[in-house]
Amino acid sequence: MADEWEESDLIAALGYSPFEFDHTEAPIWHEADTSGADKAAEAMRVARKLLDSVAFVAKEGDTAPVIEALDDVVPA
């Protein structure tokens, strides 16, 4: 466990010793940003629905490969 490490090893791994760090100097955490995966998945669901409902497709089945590819990534 980290509390069993030598201080020099902690500093080498983390850049500081968490047991000696003055936590009032600066925060050691930050809010994590989202990856946007939820929004991307929702966009793919909307795209799939639109592709499946397009009235001006040249011939029936044109969108099938695209819908299949979307379904492989995000379930409908």
PDB file of N, CA and C in Angstrom:
ATOM      1  N   MET A   1       0.832  -1.179   0.000  1.00  0.00           N
ATOM      2  CA  MET A   1       0.000   0.000   0.000  1.00  0.00           C
ATOM      3  C   MET A   1       0.879   1.245   0.000  1.00  0.00           C
ATOM      4  N   ALA A   2       0.303   2.328  -0.467  1.00  0.00           N
ATOM      5  CA  ALA A   2       1.066   3.573  -0.605  1.00  0.00           C
ATOM      6  C   ALA A   2       1.623   4.057   0.727  1.00  0.00           C
ATOM      7  N   ASP A   3       0.929   3.794   1.825  1.00  0.00           N
ATOM      8  CA  ASP A   3       1.440   4.264   3.113  1.00  0.00           C
ATOM      9  C   ASP A   3       2.662   3.471   3.568  1.00  0.00           C
ATOM     10  N   GLU A   4       2.993   2.423   2.838  1.00  0.00           N
ATOM     11  CA  GLU A   4       4.187   1.643   3.149  1.00  0.00           C
ATOM     12  C   GLU A   4       5.363   2.032   2.252  1.00  0.00           C
ATOM     13  N   TRP A   5       5.138   2.893   1.275  1.00  0.00           N
ATOM     14  CA  TRP A   5       6.178   3.312   0.346  1.00  0.00           C
ATOM     15  C   TRP A   5       7.137   4.285   1.017  1.00  0.00           C
ATOM     16  N   GLU A   6       8.345   4.321   0.508  1.00  0.00           N
ATOM     17  CA  GLU A   6       9.306   5.336   0.928  1.00  0.00           C
ATOM     18  C   GLU A   6       8.836   6.681   0.370  1.00  0.00           C
ATOM     19  N   GLU A   7       9.087   7.754   1.098  1.00  0.00           N
ATOM     20  CA  GLU A   7       8.653   9.070   0.640  1.00  0.00           C
ATOM     21  C   GLU A   7       9.241   9.413  -0.729  1.00  0.00           C
ATOM     22  N   SER A   8      10.489   9.045  -0.966  1.00  0.00           N
ATOM     23  CA  SER A   8      11.109   9.336  -2.264  1.00  0.00           C
ATOM     24  C   SER A   8      10.392   8.608  -3.401  1.00  0.00           C
ATOM     25  N   ASP A   9       9.876   7.401  -3.137  1.00  0.00           N
ATOM     26  CA  ASP A   9       9.132   6.669  -4.161  1.00  0.00           C
ATOM     27  C   ASP A   9       7.772   7.314  -4.430  1.00  0.00           C
ATOM     28  N   LEU A  10       7.140   7.813  -3.369  1.00  0.00           N
ATOM     29  CA  LEU A  10       5.874   8.526  -3.540  1.00  0.00           C
ATOM     30  C   LEU A  10       6.082   9.779  -4.383  1.00  0.00           C
ATOM     31  N   ILE A  11       7.126  10.518  -4.080  1.00  0.00           N
ATOM     32  CA  ILE A  11       7.414  11.741  -4.828  1.00  0.00           C
ATOM     33  C   ILE A  11       7.723  11.406  -6.285  1.00  0.00           C
ATOM     34  N   ALA A  12       8.459  10.333  -6.519  1.00  0.00           N
ATOM     35  CA  ALA A  12       8.771   9.926  -7.888  1.00  0.00           C
ATOM     36  C   ALA A  12       7.503   9.532  -8.645  1.00  0.00           C
ATOM     37  N   ALA A  13       6.569   8.876  -7.978  1.00  0.00           N
ATOM     38  CA  ALA A  13       5.350   8.406  -8.624  1.00  0.00           C
ATOM     39  C   ALA A  13       4.301   9.505  -8.781  1.00  0.00           C
ATOM     40  N   LEU A  14       4.130  10.320  -7.746  1.00  0.00           N
ATOM     41  CA  LEU A  14       3.049  11.303  -7.728  1.00  0.00           C
ATOM     42  C   LEU A  14       3.503  12.741  -7.953  1.00  0.00           C
ATOM     43  N   GLY A  15       4.754  12.985  -7.719  1.00  0.00           N
ATOM     44  CA  GLY A  15       5.248  14.351  -7.801  1.00  0.00           C
ATOM     45  C   GLY A  15       5.231  15.056  -6.459  1.00  0.00           C
ATOM     46  N   TYR A  16       4.712  14.415  -5.446  1.00  0.00           N
ATOM     47  CA  TYR A  16       4.679  14.949  -4.081  1.00  0.00           C
ATOM     48  C   TYR A  16       4.389  13.794  -3.134  1.00  0.00           C
ATOM     49  N   SER A  17       4.584  14.052  -1.857  1.00  0.00           N
ATOM     50  CA  SER A  17       4.219  13.060  -0.853  1.00  0.00           C
ATOM     51  C   SER A  17       2.860  13.443  -0.286  1.00  0.00           C
ATOM     52  N   PRO A  18       1.835  12.616  -0.489  1.00  0.00           N
ATOM     53  CA  PRO A  18       0.519  12.977   0.018  1.00  0.00           C
ATOM     54  C   PRO A  18       0.459  13.061   1.542  1.00  0.00           C
ATOM     55  N   PHE A  19       1.444  12.480   2.195  1.00  0.00           N
ATOM     56  CA  PHE A  19       1.451  12.512   3.653  1.00  0.00           C
ATOM     57  C   PHE A  19       2.112  13.781   4.184  1.00  0.00           C
ATOM     58  N   GLU A  20       2.840  14.481   3.324  1.00  0.00           N
ATOM     59  CA  GLU A  20       3.520  15.705   3.717  1.00  0.00           C
ATOM     60  C   GLU A  20       2.945  16.924   3.005  1.00  0.00           C
ATOM     61  N   PHE A  21       2.015  16.728   2.099  1.00  0.00           N
ATOM     62  CA  PHE A  21       1.470  17.799   1.278  1.00  0.00           C
ATOM     63  C   PHE A  21       0.561  18.685   2.110  1.00  0.00           C
ATOM     64  N   ASP A  22       0.742  20.014   1.981  1.00  0.00           N
ATOM     65  CA  ASP A  22      -0.129  20.972   2.661  1.00  0.00           C
ATOM     66  C   ASP A  22      -1.374  21.165   1.800  1.00  0.00           C
ATOM     67  N   HIS A  23      -2.474  20.549   2.172  1.00  0.00           N
ATOM     68  CA  HIS A  23      -3.684  20.556   1.363  1.00  0.00           C
ATOM     69  C   HIS A  23      -4.356  21.919   1.314  1.00  0.00           C
ATOM     70  N   THR A  24      -3.911  22.863   2.111  1.00  0.00           N
ATOM     71  CA  THR A  24      -4.495  24.200   2.071  1.00  0.00           C
ATOM     72  C   THR A  24      -3.862  25.047   0.972  1.00  0.00           C
ATOM     73  N   GLU A  25      -2.727  24.617   0.425  1.00  0.00           N
ATOM     74  CA  GLU A  25      -2.048  25.395  -0.619  1.00  0.00           C
ATOM     75  C   GLU A  25      -2.830  25.410  -1.929  1.00  0.00           C
ATOM     76  N   ALA A  26      -3.218  24.257  -2.382  1.00  0.00           N
ATOM     77  CA  ALA A  26      -3.913  24.153  -3.659  1.00  0.00           C
ATOM     78  C   ALA A  26      -4.736  22.877  -3.658  1.00  0.00           C
ATOM     79  N   PRO A  27      -5.847  22.897  -4.370  1.00  0.00           N
ATOM     80  CA  PRO A  27      -6.642  21.663  -4.438  1.00  0.00           C
ATOM     81  C   PRO A  27      -5.876  20.583  -5.191  1.00  0.00           C
ATOM     82  N   ILE A  28      -6.037  19.344  -4.754  1.00  0.00           N
ATOM     83  CA  ILE A  28      -5.377  18.233  -5.445  1.00  0.00           C
ATOM     84  C   ILE A  28      -6.394  17.428  -6.244  1.00  0.00           C
ATOM     85  N   TRP A  29      -7.559  18.016  -6.520  1.00  0.00           N
ATOM     86  CA  TRP A  29      -8.593  17.350  -7.294  1.00  0.00           C
ATOM     87  C   TRP A  29      -9.209  18.389  -8.210  1.00  0.00           C
ATOM     88  N   HIS A  30      -9.954  17.946  -9.162  1.00  0.00           N
ATOM     89  CA  HIS A  30     -10.711  18.825 -10.040  1.00  0.00           C
ATOM     90  C   HIS A  30     -11.918  18.073 -10.570  1.00  0.00           C
ATOM     91  N   GLU A  31     -12.893  18.837 -11.024  1.00  0.00           N
ATOM     92  CA  GLU A  31     -14.066  18.224 -11.620  1.00  0.00           C
ATOM     93  C   GLU A  31     -13.650  17.511 -12.901  1.00  0.00           C
ATOM     94  N   ALA A  32     -14.116  16.314 -13.087  1.00  0.00           N
ATOM     95  CA  ALA A  32     -13.820  15.581 -14.315  1.00  0.00           C
ATOM     96  C   ALA A  32     -14.808  16.000 -15.392  1.00  0.00           C
ATOM     97  N   ASP A  33     -14.296  16.217 -16.582  1.00  0.00           N
ATOM     98  CA  ASP A  33     -15.160  16.526 -17.713  1.00  0.00           C
ATOM     99  C   ASP A  33     -15.701  15.222 -18.286  1.00  0.00           C
ATOM    100  N   THR A  34     -16.883  15.303 -18.867  1.00  0.00           N
ATOM    101  CA  THR A  34     -17.426  14.103 -19.493  1.00  0.00           C
ATOM    102  C   THR A  34     -16.746  13.890 -20.835  1.00  0.00           C
ATOM    103  N   SER A  35     -16.781  12.684 -21.305  1.00  0.00           N
ATOM    104  CA  SER A  35     -16.161  12.372 -22.593  1.00  0.00           C
ATOM    105  C   SER A  35     -17.075  12.753 -23.754  1.00  0.00           C
ATOM    106  N   GLY A  36     -18.322  13.025 -23.482  1.00  0.00           N
ATOM    107  CA  GLY A  36     -19.271  13.328 -24.541  1.00  0.00           C
ATOM    108  C   GLY A  36     -19.896  12.081 -25.142  1.00  0.00           C
ATOM    109  N   ALA A  37     -19.574  10.924 -24.582  1.00  0.00           N
ATOM    110  CA  ALA A  37     -20.076   9.663 -25.140  1.00  0.00           C
ATOM    111  C   ALA A  37     -21.597   9.591 -25.090  1.00  0.00           C
ATOM    112  N   ASP A  38     -22.207  10.096 -24.032  1.00  0.00           N
ATOM    113  CA  ASP A  38     -23.670  10.055 -23.935  1.00  0.00           C
ATOM    114  C   ASP A  38     -24.314  10.876 -25.045  1.00  0.00           C
ATOM    115  N   LYS A  39     -23.750  12.063 -25.296  1.00  0.00           N
ATOM    116  CA  LYS A  39     -24.293  12.918 -26.350  1.00  0.00           C
ATOM    117  C   LYS A  39     -24.071  12.286 -27.721  1.00  0.00           C
ATOM    118  N   ALA A  40     -22.911  11.688 -27.925  1.00  0.00           N
ATOM    119  CA  ALA A  40     -22.624  11.023 -29.205  1.00  0.00           C
ATOM    120  C   ALA A  40     -23.579   9.860 -29.432  1.00  0.00           C
ATOM    121  N   ALA A  41     -23.829   9.088 -28.381  1.00  0.00           N
ATOM    122  CA  ALA A  41     -24.748   7.953 -28.497  1.00  0.00           C
ATOM    123  C   ALA A  41     -26.156   8.440 -28.824  1.00  0.00           C
ATOM    124  N   GLU A  42     -26.582   9.509 -28.199  1.00  0.00           N
ATOM    125  CA  GLU A  42     -27.917  10.039 -28.478  1.00  0.00           C
ATOM    126  C   GLU A  42     -27.992  10.558 -29.911  1.00  0.00           C
ATOM    127  N   ALA A  43     -26.935  11.190 -30.377  1.00  0.00           N
ATOM    128  CA  ALA A  43     -26.904  11.670 -31.767  1.00  0.00           C
ATOM    129  C   ALA A  43     -27.003  10.505 -32.737  1.00  0.00           C
ATOM    130  N   MET A  44     -26.336   9.400 -32.434  1.00  0.00           N
ATOM    131  CA  MET A  44     -26.410   8.223 -33.301  1.00  0.00           C
ATOM    132  C   MET A  44     -27.813   7.625 -33.293  1.00  0.00           C
ATOM    133  N   ARG A  45     -28.478   7.642 -32.136  1.00  0.00           N
ATOM    134  CA  ARG A  45     -29.860   7.135 -32.078  1.00  0.00           C
ATOM    135  C   ARG A  45     -30.779   7.989 -32.954  1.00  0.00           C
ATOM    136  N   VAL A  46     -30.610   9.310 -32.864  1.00  0.00           N
ATOM    137  CA  VAL A  46     -31.419  10.224 -33.673  1.00  0.00           C
ATOM    138  C   VAL A  46     -31.117  10.002 -35.156  1.00  0.00           C
ATOM    139  N   ALA A  47     -29.837   9.863 -35.508  1.00  0.00           N
ATOM    140  CA  ALA A  47     -29.453   9.637 -36.906  1.00  0.00           C
ATOM    141  C   ALA A  47     -30.069   8.346 -37.423  1.00  0.00           C
ATOM    142  N   ARG A  48     -30.041   7.307 -36.604  1.00  0.00           N
ATOM    143  CA  ARG A  48     -30.616   6.021 -37.019  1.00  0.00           C
ATOM    144  C   ARG A  48     -32.102   6.165 -37.292  1.00  0.00           C
ATOM    145  N   LYS A  49     -32.798   6.849 -36.388  1.00  0.00           N
ATOM    146  CA  LYS A  49     -34.240   7.024 -36.544  1.00  0.00           C
ATOM    147  C   LYS A  49     -34.544   7.816 -37.820  1.00  0.00           C
ATOM    148  N   LEU A  50     -33.756   8.861 -38.076  1.00  0.00           N
ATOM    149  CA  LEU A  50     -33.967   9.651 -39.280  1.00  0.00           C
ATOM    150  C   LEU A  50     -33.671   8.842 -40.538  1.00  0.00           C
ATOM    151  N   LEU A  51     -32.564   8.095 -40.522  1.00  0.00           N
ATOM    152  CA  LEU A  51     -32.227   7.263 -41.682  1.00  0.00           C
ATOM    153  C   LEU A  51     -33.329   6.260 -41.990  1.00  0.00           C
ATOM    154  N   ASP A  52     -33.906   5.720 -40.947  1.00  0.00           N
ATOM    155  CA  ASP A  52     -34.930   4.697 -41.115  1.00  0.00           C
ATOM    156  C   ASP A  52     -36.243   5.294 -41.611  1.00  0.00           C
ATOM    157  N   SER A  53     -36.407   6.609 -41.491  1.00  0.00           N
ATOM    158  CA  SER A  53     -37.674   7.217 -41.868  1.00  0.00           C
ATOM    159  C   SER A  53     -37.572   8.113 -43.100  1.00  0.00           C
ATOM    160  N   VAL A  54     -36.401   8.172 -43.721  1.00  0.00           N
ATOM    161  CA  VAL A  54     -36.213   9.050 -44.873  1.00  0.00           C
ATOM    162  C   VAL A  54     -37.087   8.581 -46.035  1.00  0.00           C
ATOM    163  N   ALA A  55     -37.868   9.515 -46.575  1.00  0.00           N
ATOM    164  CA  ALA A  55     -38.802   9.167 -47.648  1.00  0.00           C
ATOM    165  C   ALA A  55     -38.142   9.218 -49.023  1.00  0.00           C
ATOM    166  N   PHE A  56     -37.022   9.889 -49.165  1.00  0.00           N
ATOM    167  CA  PHE A  56     -36.424  10.065 -50.494  1.00  0.00           C
ATOM    168  C   PHE A  56     -35.220   9.162 -50.750  1.00  0.00           C
ATOM    169  N   VAL A  57     -35.188   8.027 -50.121  1.00  0.00           N
ATOM    170  CA  VAL A  57     -34.129   7.057 -50.352  1.00  0.00           C
ATOM    171  C   VAL A  57     -34.256   6.555 -51.791  1.00  0.00           C
ATOM    172  N   ALA A  58     -33.137   6.451 -52.494  1.00  0.00           N
ATOM    173  CA  ALA A  58     -33.163   6.048 -53.908  1.00  0.00           C
ATOM    174  C   ALA A  58     -33.854   4.704 -54.091  1.00  0.00           C
ATOM    175  N   LYS A  59     -33.466   3.742 -53.294  1.00  0.00           N
ATOM    176  CA  LYS A  59     -34.145   2.444 -53.349  1.00  0.00           C
ATOM    177  C   LYS A  59     -34.174   1.845 -51.950  1.00  0.00           C
ATOM    178  N   GLU A  60     -35.163   1.045 -51.717  1.00  0.00           N
ATOM    179  CA  GLU A  60     -35.335   0.436 -50.400  1.00  0.00           C
ATOM    180  C   GLU A  60     -34.087  -0.360 -50.007  1.00  0.00           C
ATOM    181  N   GLY A  61     -33.650  -0.165 -48.771  1.00  0.00           N
ATOM    182  CA  GLY A  61     -32.481  -0.881 -48.272  1.00  0.00           C
ATOM    183  C   GLY A  61     -31.193  -0.086 -48.344  1.00  0.00           C
ATOM    184  N   ASP A  62     -31.212   1.110 -48.969  1.00  0.00           N
ATOM    185  CA  ASP A  62     -30.003   1.933 -49.074  1.00  0.00           C
ATOM    186  C   ASP A  62     -29.401   2.263 -47.710  1.00  0.00           C
ATOM    187  N   THR A  63     -30.269   2.449 -46.750  1.00  0.00           N
ATOM    188  CA  THR A  63     -29.772   2.844 -45.424  1.00  0.00           C
ATOM    189  C   THR A  63     -29.421   1.658 -44.547  1.00  0.00           C
ATOM    190  N   ALA A  64     -29.708   0.461 -44.983  1.00  0.00           N
ATOM    191  CA  ALA A  64     -29.498  -0.733 -44.150  1.00  0.00           C
ATOM    192  C   ALA A  64     -28.064  -0.868 -43.636  1.00  0.00           C
ATOM    193  N   PRO A  65     -27.030  -0.692 -44.471  1.00  0.00           N
ATOM    194  CA  PRO A  65     -25.663  -0.835 -43.947  1.00  0.00           C
ATOM    195  C   PRO A  65     -25.318   0.216 -42.883  1.00  0.00           C
ATOM    196  N   VAL A  66     -25.842   1.428 -43.082  1.00  0.00           N
ATOM    197  CA  VAL A  66     -25.571   2.492 -42.107  1.00  0.00           C
ATOM    198  C   VAL A  66     -26.286   2.189 -40.797  1.00  0.00           C
ATOM    199  N   ILE A  67     -27.529   1.785 -40.880  1.00  0.00           N
ATOM    200  CA  ILE A  67     -28.289   1.451 -39.670  1.00  0.00           C
ATOM    201  C   ILE A  67     -27.640   0.273 -38.953  1.00  0.00           C
ATOM    202  N   GLU A  68     -27.195  -0.709 -39.700  1.00  0.00           N
ATOM    203  CA  GLU A  68     -26.523  -1.857 -39.086  1.00  0.00           C
ATOM    204  C   GLU A  68     -25.250  -1.429 -38.354  1.00  0.00           C
ATOM    205  N   ALA A  69     -24.472  -0.540 -38.980  1.00  0.00           N
ATOM    206  CA  ALA A  69     -23.249  -0.041 -38.346  1.00  0.00           C
ATOM    207  C   ALA A  69     -23.567   0.729 -37.075  1.00  0.00           C
ATOM    208  N   LEU A  70     -24.629   1.561 -37.116  1.00  0.00           N
ATOM    209  CA  LEU A  70     -25.038   2.275 -35.910  1.00  0.00           C
ATOM    210  C   LEU A  70     -25.500   1.316 -34.825  1.00  0.00           C
ATOM    211  N   ASP A  71     -26.257   0.290 -35.207  1.00  0.00           N
ATOM    212  CA  ASP A  71     -26.741  -0.687 -34.233  1.00  0.00           C
ATOM    213  C   ASP A  71     -25.606  -1.463 -33.585  1.00  0.00           C
ATOM    214  N   ASP A  72     -24.501  -1.640 -34.311  1.00  0.00           N
ATOM    215  CA  ASP A  72     -23.339  -2.324 -33.732  1.00  0.00           C
ATOM    216  C   ASP A  72     -22.714  -1.518 -32.614  1.00  0.00           C
ATOM    217  N   VAL A  73     -22.861  -0.191 -32.698  1.00  0.00           N
ATOM    218  CA  VAL A  73     -22.242   0.696 -31.711  1.00  0.00           C
ATOM    219  C   VAL A  73     -23.206   1.062 -30.591  1.00  0.00           C
ATOM    220  N   VAL A  74     -24.420   1.448 -30.964  1.00  0.00           N
ATOM    221  CA  VAL A  74     -25.411   1.890 -29.995  1.00  0.00           C
ATOM    222  C   VAL A  74     -26.721   1.194 -30.288  1.00  0.00           C
ATOM    223  N   PRO A  75     -27.218   0.392 -29.345  1.00  0.00           N
ATOM    224  CA  PRO A  75     -28.504  -0.277 -29.555  1.00  0.00           C
ATOM    225  C   PRO A  75     -29.616   0.730 -29.787  1.00  0.00           C
ATOM    226  N   ALA A  76     -30.512   0.413 -30.702  1.00  0.00           N
ATOM    227  CA  ALA A  76     -31.640   1.310 -31.025  1.00  0.00           C
ATOM    228  C   ALA A  76     -32.587   1.462 -29.859  1.00  0.00           C
TER     229      ALA A  76
END
